[in-house]
Amino acid sequence: MDRVIYNRKKEFISNREQPKQGTFHTFLSNTFVKVGLIAISVFLLYSVYNSIVITGQKVEISKKARQEVDNLRLENLKLALALESMQSDEYLEVQARDRLNFAGESEFLFVIPETVLESAKERVDTYLYGSEEVEHIPPYVQWFEFVKNGI
């Protein structure tokens, strides 16, 4: 049984007859168009996601660069302070004492050869760790050797 609706402004419409749809609706009902629109949507979502990832990486690089700049500024400040202190007379005096083996007023300077330092280290090790037996030389013989050979 068919149903008929009467409307004064419109013509008779039955449920068997479909009203004529617009060209836009016909365009969207096409399967290829739907697949194309879905593909475009996926591509746009991927582009947005990729942009977010790249932005995150750039923010990380920016943070690291900012930290490196701060570290370099601190190092630059330390070097500027060191340069300022190097131009003082006290610094030059300390460097002359250390590098050139000079002594200041009321100071005594002892120069000890490397071979004596090595043998002294060996003796200290034997006293501390007791790995070798030390021969007992009378003190007067040790003094005689010291006066005869020096340091």
C-alpha atoms as a PDB file:
ATOM      1  CA  MET A   1       0.000   0.000   0.000  1.00  0.00           C
ATOM      2  CA  ASP A   2       1.423   3.313  -1.028  1.00  0.00           C
ATOM      3  CA  ARG A   3       1.267   6.294   1.156  1.00  0.00           C
ATOM      4  CA  VAL A   4       0.576   9.689  -0.325  1.00  0.00           C
ATOM      5  CA  ILE A   5       1.184  13.018   1.362  1.00  0.00           C
ATOM      6  CA  TYR A   6      -0.501  16.162   0.202  1.00  0.00           C
ATOM      7  CA  ASN A   7       1.067  19.534   0.689  1.00  0.00           C
ATOM      8  CA  ARG A   8      -0.453  22.645  -0.813  1.00  0.00           C
ATOM      9  CA  LYS A   9       2.804  24.199  -1.826  1.00  0.00           C
ATOM     10  CA  LYS A  10       4.411  21.033  -3.089  1.00  0.00           C
ATOM     11  CA  GLU A  11       3.378  18.352  -5.400  1.00  0.00           C
ATOM     12  CA  PHE A  12       2.357  14.897  -4.364  1.00  0.00           C
ATOM     13  CA  ILE A  13       5.272  12.815  -3.077  1.00  0.00           C
ATOM     14  CA  SER A  14       5.108   9.088  -2.684  1.00  0.00           C
ATOM     15  CA  ASN A  15       7.596   6.946  -0.830  1.00  0.00           C
ATOM     16  CA  ARG A  16       8.456   5.086  -3.991  1.00  0.00           C
ATOM     17  CA  GLU A  17       9.686   8.182  -5.702  1.00  0.00           C
ATOM     18  CA  GLN A  18      12.801   9.786  -4.288  1.00  0.00           C
ATOM     19  CA  PRO A  19      12.998  13.554  -4.344  1.00  0.00           C
ATOM     20  CA  LYS A  20      15.582  14.915  -6.695  1.00  0.00           C
ATOM     21  CA  GLN A  21      18.808  15.569  -4.801  1.00  0.00           C
ATOM     22  CA  GLY A  22      21.377  18.274  -5.492  1.00  0.00           C
ATOM     23  CA  THR A  23      24.634  17.767  -7.375  1.00  0.00           C
ATOM     24  CA  PHE A  24      26.695  18.197  -4.168  1.00  0.00           C
ATOM     25  CA  HIS A  25      24.916  15.296  -2.487  1.00  0.00           C
ATOM     26  CA  THR A  26      25.385  13.192  -5.617  1.00  0.00           C
ATOM     27  CA  PHE A  27      29.078  14.142  -5.632  1.00  0.00           C
ATOM     28  CA  LEU A  28      29.543  13.067  -1.992  1.00  0.00           C
ATOM     29  CA  SER A  29      27.714   9.791  -2.492  1.00  0.00           C
ATOM     30  CA  ASN A  30      30.383   8.610  -4.938  1.00  0.00           C
ATOM     31  CA  THR A  31      32.683   5.924  -3.388  1.00  0.00           C
ATOM     32  CA  PHE A  32      35.855   7.268  -4.973  1.00  0.00           C
ATOM     33  CA  VAL A  33      35.181  10.704  -3.561  1.00  0.00           C
ATOM     34  CA  LYS A  34      34.671   9.234  -0.082  1.00  0.00           C
ATOM     35  CA  VAL A  35      37.941   7.263  -0.315  1.00  0.00           C
ATOM     36  CA  GLY A  36      39.723  10.375  -1.607  1.00  0.00           C
ATOM     37  CA  LEU A  37      38.397  12.521   1.235  1.00  0.00           C
ATOM     38  CA  ILE A  38      39.446   9.896   3.789  1.00  0.00           C
ATOM     39  CA  ALA A  39      42.935   9.741   2.212  1.00  0.00           C
ATOM     40  CA  ILE A  40      43.242  13.529   2.330  1.00  0.00           C
ATOM     41  CA  SER A  41      42.133  13.519   5.979  1.00  0.00           C
ATOM     42  CA  VAL A  42      44.698  10.863   6.866  1.00  0.00           C
ATOM     43  CA  PHE A  43      47.409  12.802   5.046  1.00  0.00           C
ATOM     44  CA  LEU A  44      46.503  16.016   6.893  1.00  0.00           C
ATOM     45  CA  LEU A  45      46.480  14.219  10.263  1.00  0.00           C
ATOM     46  CA  TYR A  46      49.888  12.704   9.500  1.00  0.00           C
ATOM     47  CA  SER A  47      51.230  16.138   8.518  1.00  0.00           C
ATOM     48  CA  VAL A  48      49.978  17.666  11.767  1.00  0.00           C
ATOM     49  CA  TYR A  49      51.479  14.823  13.821  1.00  0.00           C
ATOM     50  CA  ASN A  50      54.799  15.109  11.971  1.00  0.00           C
ATOM     51  CA  SER A  51      54.826  18.880  12.550  1.00  0.00           C
ATOM     52  CA  ILE A  52      54.247  18.348  16.272  1.00  0.00           C
ATOM     53  CA  VAL A  53      57.125  15.852  16.466  1.00  0.00           C
ATOM     54  CA  ILE A  54      59.500  18.168  14.570  1.00  0.00           C
ATOM     55  CA  THR A  55      58.497  21.103  16.764  1.00  0.00           C
ATOM     56  CA  GLY A  56      59.245  19.036  19.877  1.00  0.00           C
ATOM     57  CA  GLN A  57      62.677  18.169  18.525  1.00  0.00           C
ATOM     58  CA  LYS A  58      63.416  21.801  17.713  1.00  0.00           C
ATOM     59  CA  VAL A  59      62.370  22.838  21.229  1.00  0.00           C
ATOM     60  CA  GLU A  60      64.787  20.228  22.666  1.00  0.00           C
ATOM     61  CA  ILE A  61      67.606  21.505  20.449  1.00  0.00           C
ATOM     62  CA  SER A  62      66.795  25.055  21.517  1.00  0.00           C
ATOM     63  CA  LYS A  63      66.951  24.085  25.213  1.00  0.00           C
ATOM     64  CA  LYS A  64      70.311  22.373  24.721  1.00  0.00           C
ATOM     65  CA  ALA A  65      71.677  25.364  22.798  1.00  0.00           C
ATOM     66  CA  ARG A  66      70.471  27.729  25.514  1.00  0.00           C
ATOM     67  CA  GLN A  67      72.160  25.574  28.179  1.00  0.00           C
ATOM     68  CA  GLU A  68      75.387  25.507  26.147  1.00  0.00           C
ATOM     69  CA  VAL A  69      75.291  29.289  25.739  1.00  0.00           C
ATOM     70  CA  ASP A  70      74.844  29.685  29.505  1.00  0.00           C
ATOM     71  CA  ASN A  71      77.789  27.357  30.162  1.00  0.00           C
ATOM     72  CA  LEU A  72      79.962  29.245  27.684  1.00  0.00           C
ATOM     73  CA  ARG A  73      79.022  32.557  29.299  1.00  0.00           C
ATOM     74  CA  LEU A  74      80.068  31.200  32.702  1.00  0.00           C
ATOM     75  CA  GLU A  75      83.348  29.932  31.274  1.00  0.00           C
ATOM     76  CA  ASN A  76      83.919  33.276  29.561  1.00  0.00           C
ATOM     77  CA  LEU A  77      83.328  35.063  32.856  1.00  0.00           C
ATOM     78  CA  LYS A  78      85.773  32.748  34.644  1.00  0.00           C
ATOM     79  CA  LEU A  79      88.399  33.357  31.965  1.00  0.00           C
ATOM     80  CA  ALA A  80      87.872  37.120  32.155  1.00  0.00           C
ATOM     81  CA  LEU A  81      88.363  37.017  35.936  1.00  0.00           C
ATOM     82  CA  ALA A  82      91.446  34.826  35.516  1.00  0.00           C
ATOM     83  CA  LEU A  83      92.862  37.246  32.942  1.00  0.00           C
ATOM     84  CA  GLU A  84      92.281  40.135  35.297  1.00  0.00           C
ATOM     85  CA  SER A  85      94.031  38.312  38.132  1.00  0.00           C
ATOM     86  CA  MET A  86      96.915  37.307  35.831  1.00  0.00           C
ATOM     87  CA  GLN A  87      97.749  40.937  35.229  1.00  0.00           C
ATOM     88  CA  SER A  88      98.460  41.557  38.911  1.00  0.00           C
ATOM     89  CA  ASP A  89     101.939  41.553  40.431  1.00  0.00           C
ATOM     90  CA  GLU A  90     101.001  38.846  42.946  1.00  0.00           C
ATOM     91  CA  TYR A  91     100.147  36.399  40.176  1.00  0.00           C
ATOM     92  CA  LEU A  92     103.427  37.074  38.385  1.00  0.00           C
ATOM     93  CA  GLU A  93     105.303  36.539  41.637  1.00  0.00           C
ATOM     94  CA  VAL A  94     103.596  33.199  42.288  1.00  0.00           C
ATOM     95  CA  GLN A  95     104.258  32.019  38.732  1.00  0.00           C
ATOM     96  CA  ALA A  96     107.914  33.013  38.961  1.00  0.00           C
ATOM     97  CA  ARG A  97     108.250  31.061  42.202  1.00  0.00           C
ATOM     98  CA  ASP A  98     106.521  27.972  40.826  1.00  0.00           C
ATOM     99  CA  ARG A  99     107.987  27.802  37.339  1.00  0.00           C
ATOM    100  CA  LEU A 100     111.422  29.291  37.761  1.00  0.00           C
ATOM    101  CA  ASN A 101     112.125  27.981  41.262  1.00  0.00           C
ATOM    102  CA  PHE A 102     112.598  31.440  42.752  1.00  0.00           C
ATOM    103  CA  ALA A 103     112.191  32.116  46.445  1.00  0.00           C
ATOM    104  CA  GLY A 104     110.644  35.071  48.178  1.00  0.00           C
ATOM    105  CA  GLU A 105     111.955  36.967  51.152  1.00  0.00           C
ATOM    106  CA  SER A 106     112.547  34.774  54.209  1.00  0.00           C
ATOM    107  CA  GLU A 107     111.912  31.630  52.162  1.00  0.00           C
ATOM    108  CA  PHE A 108     114.274  28.775  51.415  1.00  0.00           C
ATOM    109  CA  LEU A 109     114.219  26.837  48.198  1.00  0.00           C
ATOM    110  CA  PHE A 110     115.186  23.181  48.009  1.00  0.00           C
ATOM    111  CA  VAL A 111     115.728  21.538  44.661  1.00  0.00           C
ATOM    112  CA  ILE A 112     115.460  17.769  44.867  1.00  0.00           C
ATOM    113  CA  PRO A 113     116.493  15.631  41.864  1.00  0.00           C
ATOM    114  CA  GLU A 114     113.975  13.173  40.453  1.00  0.00           C
ATOM    115  CA  THR A 115     116.157  10.133  41.221  1.00  0.00           C
ATOM    116  CA  VAL A 116     116.207  11.024  44.903  1.00  0.00           C
ATOM    117  CA  LEU A 117     112.421  11.428  44.872  1.00  0.00           C
ATOM    118  CA  GLU A 118     112.020   7.986  43.304  1.00  0.00           C
ATOM    119  CA  SER A 119     114.259   6.306  45.864  1.00  0.00           C
ATOM    120  CA  ALA A 120     112.454   8.178  48.661  1.00  0.00           C
ATOM    121  CA  LYS A 121     109.124   6.919  47.356  1.00  0.00           C
ATOM    122  CA  GLU A 122     110.481   3.383  47.363  1.00  0.00           C
ATOM    123  CA  ARG A 123     111.671   3.756  50.953  1.00  0.00           C
ATOM    124  CA  VAL A 124     108.344   5.183  52.084  1.00  0.00           C
ATOM    125  CA  ASP A 125     106.564   2.280  50.415  1.00  0.00           C
ATOM    126  CA  THR A 126     108.785  -0.198  52.214  1.00  0.00           C
ATOM    127  CA  TYR A 127     108.106   1.488  55.559  1.00  0.00           C
ATOM    128  CA  LEU A 128     104.381   1.609  54.944  1.00  0.00           C
ATOM    129  CA  TYR A 129     103.860  -1.779  53.370  1.00  0.00           C
ATOM    130  CA  GLY A 130     106.892  -3.653  54.705  1.00  0.00           C
ATOM    131  CA  SER A 131     107.471  -5.645  51.547  1.00  0.00           C
ATOM    132  CA  GLU A 132     111.267  -5.445  51.686  1.00  0.00           C
ATOM    133  CA  GLU A 133     113.658  -5.925  54.516  1.00  0.00           C
ATOM    134  CA  VAL A 134     115.682  -2.814  55.199  1.00  0.00           C
ATOM    135  CA  GLU A 135     119.323  -3.420  55.971  1.00  0.00           C
ATOM    136  CA  HIS A 136     120.445  -1.861  59.206  1.00  0.00           C
ATOM    137  CA  ILE A 137     123.233   0.590  58.577  1.00  0.00           C
ATOM    138  CA  PRO A 138     124.669   2.389  61.572  1.00  0.00           C
ATOM    139  CA  PRO A 139     123.784   6.075  61.710  1.00  0.00           C
ATOM    140  CA  TYR A 140     127.407   7.299  61.567  1.00  0.00           C
ATOM    141  CA  VAL A 141     127.873   5.421  58.239  1.00  0.00           C
ATOM    142  CA  GLN A 142     124.703   7.018  56.864  1.00  0.00           C
ATOM    143  CA  TRP A 143     125.943  10.473  57.888  1.00  0.00           C
ATOM    144  CA  PHE A 144     129.303   9.802  56.302  1.00  0.00           C
ATOM    145  CA  GLU A 145     127.603   8.753  53.023  1.00  0.00           C
ATOM    146  CA  PHE A 146     125.402  11.848  53.157  1.00  0.00           C
ATOM    147  CA  VAL A 147     128.346  14.220  53.627  1.00  0.00           C
ATOM    148  CA  LYS A 148     130.417  12.415  50.997  1.00  0.00           C
ATOM    149  CA  ASN A 149     127.720  12.050  48.266  1.00  0.00           C
ATOM    150  CA  GLY A 150     125.369  14.865  49.110  1.00  0.00           C
ATOM    151  CA  ILE A 151     121.736  14.532  48.344  1.00  0.00           C
END
